[in-house]
Amino acid sequence: MAATDEDRKARLEALDAKLAERRDKVAPKRHQDEHYSQAHVAWRMVLELVVGLGIGFGIGFGLDTLFGTAPWLMIVFTLFGFAAGIRTMMHTAKEIQPPDASGDDKQRD
């Protein structure tokens, strides 16, 4: 019952096809294939907060210099910048969140 070379070759090709099919089904996601990497999202959120604070501080400092009300407008606008940075971070967090399974696609601002 010796198998011929052609029979062995056909069985080997069938086995190779089955293995390739299984590899495709259970292949883990590569890190490069992810749309957002966690470090990218973290840095984006940090920058959004820092930029909000910086812009608020700059506007407040400029208005304080212009009107001579130091440090009150700087404090108020720094807090506004902080709030704007937090709001932008929340939008980013909502953007990367997986879709809701209930099918409710309404977006609230």
N, C-alpha and C. Protein backbone atom coordinates (compact mmCIF):
# COMPACT_ATOMS: atom_id res chain seq x y z
N MET A 1 0.82 -1.18 0.00
CA MET A 1 0.00 0.00 0.00
C MET A 1 0.87 1.25 0.00
N ALA A 2 1.78 1.32 -0.84
CA ALA A 2 2.64 2.49 -0.95
C ALA A 2 1.90 3.57 -1.73
N ALA A 3 1.89 4.75 -1.17
CA ALA A 3 1.23 5.87 -1.83
C ALA A 3 2.15 6.43 -2.90
N THR A 4 1.56 6.83 -3.97
CA THR A 4 2.36 7.40 -5.05
C THR A 4 2.74 8.84 -4.70
N ASP A 5 3.71 9.35 -5.45
CA ASP A 5 4.16 10.72 -5.21
C ASP A 5 3.04 11.72 -5.47
N GLU A 6 2.23 11.45 -6.49
CA GLU A 6 1.13 12.36 -6.81
C GLU A 6 0.09 12.37 -5.70
N ASP A 7 -0.20 11.19 -5.13
CA ASP A 7 -1.17 11.10 -4.04
C ASP A 7 -0.65 11.85 -2.81
N ARG A 8 0.60 11.69 -2.50
CA ARG A 8 1.20 12.40 -1.36
C ARG A 8 1.19 13.91 -1.58
N LYS A 9 1.49 14.30 -2.80
CA LYS A 9 1.51 15.72 -3.13
C LYS A 9 0.11 16.32 -3.00
N ALA A 10 -0.91 15.60 -3.46
CA ALA A 10 -2.29 16.09 -3.37
C ALA A 10 -2.72 16.20 -1.91
N ARG A 11 -2.38 15.21 -1.09
CA ARG A 11 -2.74 15.26 0.33
C ARG A 11 -2.01 16.40 1.04
N LEU A 12 -0.75 16.61 0.68
CA LEU A 12 0.02 17.69 1.28
C LEU A 12 -0.56 19.06 0.91
N GLU A 13 -0.98 19.22 -0.33
CA GLU A 13 -1.59 20.48 -0.76
C GLU A 13 -2.92 20.71 -0.06
N ALA A 14 -3.71 19.63 0.12
CA ALA A 14 -4.99 19.77 0.82
C ALA A 14 -4.75 20.17 2.28
N LEU A 15 -3.77 19.55 2.91
CA LEU A 15 -3.44 19.89 4.29
C LEU A 15 -2.94 21.33 4.38
N ASP A 16 -2.13 21.75 3.44
CA ASP A 16 -1.63 23.12 3.42
C ASP A 16 -2.78 24.12 3.27
N ALA A 17 -3.75 23.81 2.42
CA ALA A 17 -4.91 24.69 2.23
C ALA A 17 -5.73 24.78 3.52
N LYS A 18 -5.93 23.65 4.21
CA LYS A 18 -6.68 23.66 5.46
C LYS A 18 -5.96 24.49 6.53
N LEU A 19 -4.65 24.32 6.61
CA LEU A 19 -3.87 25.08 7.59
C LEU A 19 -3.92 26.58 7.30
N ALA A 20 -3.82 26.94 6.05
CA ALA A 20 -3.88 28.36 5.68
C ALA A 20 -5.24 28.95 6.03
N GLU A 21 -6.30 28.17 5.81
CA GLU A 21 -7.65 28.63 6.14
C GLU A 21 -7.79 28.84 7.65
N ARG A 22 -7.27 27.92 8.43
CA ARG A 22 -7.34 28.05 9.90
C ARG A 22 -6.51 29.24 10.39
N ARG A 23 -5.35 29.45 9.79
CA ARG A 23 -4.51 30.58 10.20
C ARG A 23 -5.22 31.90 9.95
N ASP A 24 -5.92 31.99 8.82
CA ASP A 24 -6.64 33.22 8.51
C ASP A 24 -7.77 33.48 9.51
N LYS A 25 -8.43 32.41 9.96
CA LYS A 25 -9.55 32.57 10.88
C LYS A 25 -9.10 33.01 12.27
N VAL A 26 -8.01 32.45 12.75
CA VAL A 26 -7.59 32.72 14.13
C VAL A 26 -6.37 33.62 14.21
N ALA A 27 -6.01 34.27 13.14
CA ALA A 27 -4.84 35.15 13.15
C ALA A 27 -5.09 36.32 14.09
N PRO A 28 -4.21 36.55 15.04
CA PRO A 28 -4.40 37.68 15.96
C PRO A 28 -4.21 38.99 15.22
N LYS A 29 -4.88 40.02 15.72
CA LYS A 29 -4.73 41.34 15.14
C LYS A 29 -3.33 41.86 15.41
N ARG A 30 -2.69 42.32 14.39
CA ARG A 30 -1.38 42.92 14.59
C ARG A 30 -1.55 44.32 15.14
N HIS A 31 -0.58 44.77 15.89
CA HIS A 31 -0.67 46.08 16.53
C HIS A 31 -0.78 47.20 15.49
N GLN A 32 -0.14 47.04 14.36
CA GLN A 32 -0.18 48.07 13.33
C GLN A 32 -1.55 48.15 12.67
N ASP A 33 -2.34 47.08 12.75
CA ASP A 33 -3.64 47.08 12.10
C ASP A 33 -4.69 47.83 12.90
N GLU A 34 -4.45 48.09 14.17
CA GLU A 34 -5.42 48.80 14.98
C GLU A 34 -5.48 50.25 14.53
N HIS A 35 -6.72 50.79 14.53
CA HIS A 35 -6.89 52.17 14.08
C HIS A 35 -6.28 53.14 15.09
N TYR A 36 -6.48 52.89 16.34
CA TYR A 36 -5.93 53.74 17.39
C TYR A 36 -5.08 52.89 18.31
N SER A 37 -3.86 53.27 18.49
CA SER A 37 -3.07 52.60 19.52
C SER A 37 -3.31 53.35 20.82
N GLN A 38 -3.16 52.68 21.92
CA GLN A 38 -3.46 53.28 23.22
C GLN A 38 -2.53 54.45 23.54
N ALA A 39 -1.27 54.35 23.18
CA ALA A 39 -0.34 55.44 23.46
C ALA A 39 -0.71 56.68 22.64
N HIS A 40 -1.12 56.47 21.41
CA HIS A 40 -1.52 57.58 20.56
C HIS A 40 -2.71 58.32 21.18
N VAL A 41 -3.68 57.58 21.65
CA VAL A 41 -4.87 58.20 22.25
C VAL A 41 -4.50 58.94 23.53
N ALA A 42 -3.64 58.34 24.34
CA ALA A 42 -3.24 58.99 25.59
C ALA A 42 -2.53 60.31 25.32
N TRP A 43 -1.59 60.31 24.38
CA TRP A 43 -0.88 61.55 24.06
C TRP A 43 -1.82 62.59 23.47
N ARG A 44 -2.76 62.15 22.67
CA ARG A 44 -3.72 63.09 22.08
C ARG A 44 -4.54 63.76 23.18
N MET A 45 -4.99 62.97 24.16
CA MET A 45 -5.79 63.54 25.25
C MET A 45 -4.96 64.50 26.11
N VAL A 46 -3.73 64.15 26.39
CA VAL A 46 -2.86 65.03 27.18
C VAL A 46 -2.65 66.35 26.43
N LEU A 47 -2.38 66.26 25.15
CA LEU A 47 -2.16 67.48 24.36
C LEU A 47 -3.41 68.34 24.30
N GLU A 48 -4.58 67.72 24.18
CA GLU A 48 -5.83 68.49 24.15
C GLU A 48 -6.01 69.27 25.45
N LEU A 49 -5.71 68.65 26.57
CA LEU A 49 -5.85 69.33 27.85
C LEU A 49 -4.82 70.46 27.99
N VAL A 50 -3.58 70.19 27.64
CA VAL A 50 -2.53 71.20 27.78
C VAL A 50 -2.78 72.38 26.84
N VAL A 51 -3.22 72.10 25.63
CA VAL A 51 -3.50 73.19 24.68
C VAL A 51 -4.67 74.04 25.18
N GLY A 52 -5.70 73.40 25.71
CA GLY A 52 -6.83 74.15 26.27
C GLY A 52 -6.38 75.06 27.40
N LEU A 53 -5.56 74.53 28.30
CA LEU A 53 -5.03 75.35 29.40
C LEU A 53 -4.16 76.49 28.88
N GLY A 54 -3.31 76.19 27.92
CA GLY A 54 -2.42 77.21 27.37
C GLY A 54 -3.16 78.34 26.68
N ILE A 55 -4.15 77.98 25.88
CA ILE A 55 -4.93 79.01 25.18
C ILE A 55 -5.71 79.85 26.18
N GLY A 56 -6.33 79.20 27.16
CA GLY A 56 -7.06 79.96 28.18
C GLY A 56 -6.15 80.89 28.96
N PHE A 57 -4.98 80.39 29.34
CA PHE A 57 -4.02 81.22 30.06
C PHE A 57 -3.58 82.40 29.20
N GLY A 58 -3.29 82.14 27.93
CA GLY A 58 -2.83 83.20 27.03
C GLY A 58 -3.88 84.28 26.84
N ILE A 59 -5.12 83.88 26.62
CA ILE A 59 -6.20 84.87 26.45
C ILE A 59 -6.38 85.67 27.74
N GLY A 60 -6.40 84.98 28.88
CA GLY A 60 -6.56 85.67 30.16
C GLY A 60 -5.42 86.63 30.45
N PHE A 61 -4.20 86.19 30.19
CA PHE A 61 -3.04 87.06 30.43
C PHE A 61 -3.10 88.28 29.52
N GLY A 62 -3.46 88.06 28.26
CA GLY A 62 -3.56 89.19 27.33
C GLY A 62 -4.63 90.19 27.74
N LEU A 63 -5.78 89.69 28.15
CA LEU A 63 -6.85 90.59 28.58
C LEU A 63 -6.50 91.30 29.89
N ASP A 64 -5.82 90.59 30.79
CA ASP A 64 -5.37 91.24 32.03
C ASP A 64 -4.38 92.36 31.73
N THR A 65 -3.49 92.13 30.81
CA THR A 65 -2.52 93.16 30.43
C THR A 65 -3.24 94.35 29.78
N LEU A 66 -4.22 94.05 28.95
CA LEU A 66 -4.95 95.09 28.24
C LEU A 66 -5.81 95.93 29.19
N PHE A 67 -6.51 95.28 30.11
CA PHE A 67 -7.44 95.99 30.99
C PHE A 67 -6.87 96.29 32.38
N GLY A 68 -5.72 95.74 32.72
CA GLY A 68 -5.11 95.98 34.02
C GLY A 68 -5.86 95.32 35.17
N THR A 69 -6.42 94.17 34.94
CA THR A 69 -7.21 93.47 35.96
C THR A 69 -6.50 92.25 36.52
N ALA A 70 -5.17 92.22 36.43
CA ALA A 70 -4.41 91.03 36.83
C ALA A 70 -4.75 90.61 38.25
N PRO A 71 -4.84 89.40 38.56
CA PRO A 71 -4.80 88.16 37.79
C PRO A 71 -6.17 87.57 37.50
N TRP A 72 -7.23 88.35 37.65
CA TRP A 72 -8.58 87.79 37.63
C TRP A 72 -8.97 87.19 36.29
N LEU A 73 -8.78 87.88 35.20
CA LEU A 73 -9.16 87.32 33.90
C LEU A 73 -8.29 86.12 33.53
N MET A 74 -7.03 86.16 33.95
CA MET A 74 -6.15 85.01 33.69
C MET A 74 -6.67 83.77 34.41
N ILE A 75 -7.11 83.92 35.64
CA ILE A 75 -7.66 82.79 36.39
C ILE A 75 -8.93 82.28 35.73
N VAL A 76 -9.83 83.18 35.38
CA VAL A 76 -11.11 82.79 34.78
C VAL A 76 -10.88 82.08 33.44
N PHE A 77 -10.06 82.65 32.58
CA PHE A 77 -9.86 82.05 31.27
C PHE A 77 -9.02 80.77 31.34
N THR A 78 -8.16 80.64 32.34
CA THR A 78 -7.45 79.37 32.53
C THR A 78 -8.44 78.28 32.90
N LEU A 79 -9.41 78.61 33.75
CA LEU A 79 -10.46 77.63 34.09
C LEU A 79 -11.32 77.30 32.87
N PHE A 80 -11.63 78.31 32.05
CA PHE A 80 -12.37 78.05 30.81
C PHE A 80 -11.57 77.13 29.88
N GLY A 81 -10.27 77.38 29.80
CA GLY A 81 -9.41 76.53 28.97
C GLY A 81 -9.35 75.10 29.49
N PHE A 82 -9.31 74.96 30.81
CA PHE A 82 -9.33 73.63 31.42
C PHE A 82 -10.64 72.91 31.08
N ALA A 83 -11.76 73.62 31.19
CA ALA A 83 -13.07 73.02 30.86
C ALA A 83 -13.13 72.64 29.39
N ALA A 84 -12.60 73.50 28.52
CA ALA A 84 -12.60 73.18 27.09
C ALA A 84 -11.72 71.97 26.80
N GLY A 85 -10.58 71.86 27.47
CA GLY A 85 -9.70 70.71 27.30
C GLY A 85 -10.36 69.42 27.75
N ILE A 86 -11.05 69.46 28.89
CA ILE A 86 -11.76 68.28 29.38
C ILE A 86 -12.88 67.89 28.41
N ARG A 87 -13.60 68.88 27.91
CA ARG A 87 -14.69 68.59 26.95
C ARG A 87 -14.13 67.94 25.69
N THR A 88 -13.02 68.43 25.19
CA THR A 88 -12.40 67.85 24.00
C THR A 88 -11.90 66.43 24.28
N MET A 89 -11.36 66.21 25.48
CA MET A 89 -10.92 64.86 25.85
C MET A 89 -12.11 63.90 25.90
N MET A 90 -13.24 64.37 26.38
CA MET A 90 -14.44 63.51 26.44
C MET A 90 -14.92 63.15 25.03
N HIS A 91 -14.82 64.10 24.11
CA HIS A 91 -15.18 63.80 22.71
C HIS A 91 -14.24 62.75 22.13
N THR A 92 -12.96 62.85 22.45
CA THR A 92 -12.00 61.86 21.97
C THR A 92 -12.30 60.49 22.55
N ALA A 93 -12.62 60.44 23.83
CA ALA A 93 -12.95 59.15 24.46
C ALA A 93 -14.20 58.54 23.83
N LYS A 94 -15.17 59.38 23.51
CA LYS A 94 -16.40 58.89 22.88
C LYS A 94 -16.11 58.40 21.46
N GLU A 95 -15.17 59.05 20.79
CA GLU A 95 -14.81 58.70 19.42
C GLU A 95 -14.17 57.32 19.32
N ILE A 96 -13.36 56.96 20.31
CA ILE A 96 -12.67 55.66 20.25
C ILE A 96 -13.45 54.55 20.91
N GLN A 97 -14.56 54.88 21.54
CA GLN A 97 -15.38 53.87 22.21
C GLN A 97 -16.04 52.98 21.17
N PRO A 98 -16.12 51.65 21.41
CA PRO A 98 -16.78 50.77 20.45
C PRO A 98 -18.26 51.11 20.35
N PRO A 99 -18.87 50.85 19.19
CA PRO A 99 -20.28 51.17 19.02
C PRO A 99 -21.16 50.40 20.01
N ASP A 100 -22.26 51.03 20.39
CA ASP A 100 -23.20 50.42 21.32
C ASP A 100 -23.94 49.27 20.65
N ALA A 101 -24.08 48.17 21.34
CA ALA A 101 -24.73 46.98 20.77
C ALA A 101 -26.23 47.17 20.64
N SER A 102 -26.81 48.15 21.35
CA SER A 102 -28.26 48.33 21.29
C SER A 102 -28.71 48.97 19.99
N GLY A 103 -27.78 49.51 19.22
CA GLY A 103 -28.13 50.12 17.94
C GLY A 103 -28.49 51.59 18.06
N ASP A 104 -28.35 52.16 19.24
CA ASP A 104 -28.66 53.57 19.45
C ASP A 104 -27.46 54.39 19.00
N ASP A 105 -27.56 54.98 17.81
CA ASP A 105 -26.43 55.71 17.23
C ASP A 105 -26.54 57.21 17.45
N LYS A 106 -27.44 57.65 18.31
CA LYS A 106 -27.60 59.08 18.54
C LYS A 106 -26.38 59.62 19.25
N GLN A 107 -25.89 60.72 18.75
CA GLN A 107 -24.74 61.36 19.38
C GLN A 107 -25.23 62.62 20.06
N ARG A 108 -24.85 62.77 21.32
CA ARG A 108 -25.25 63.94 22.09
C ARG A 108 -24.03 64.78 22.38
N ASP A 109 -24.20 66.08 22.28
CA ASP A 109 -23.10 67.00 22.60
C ASP A 109 -23.41 67.74 23.87
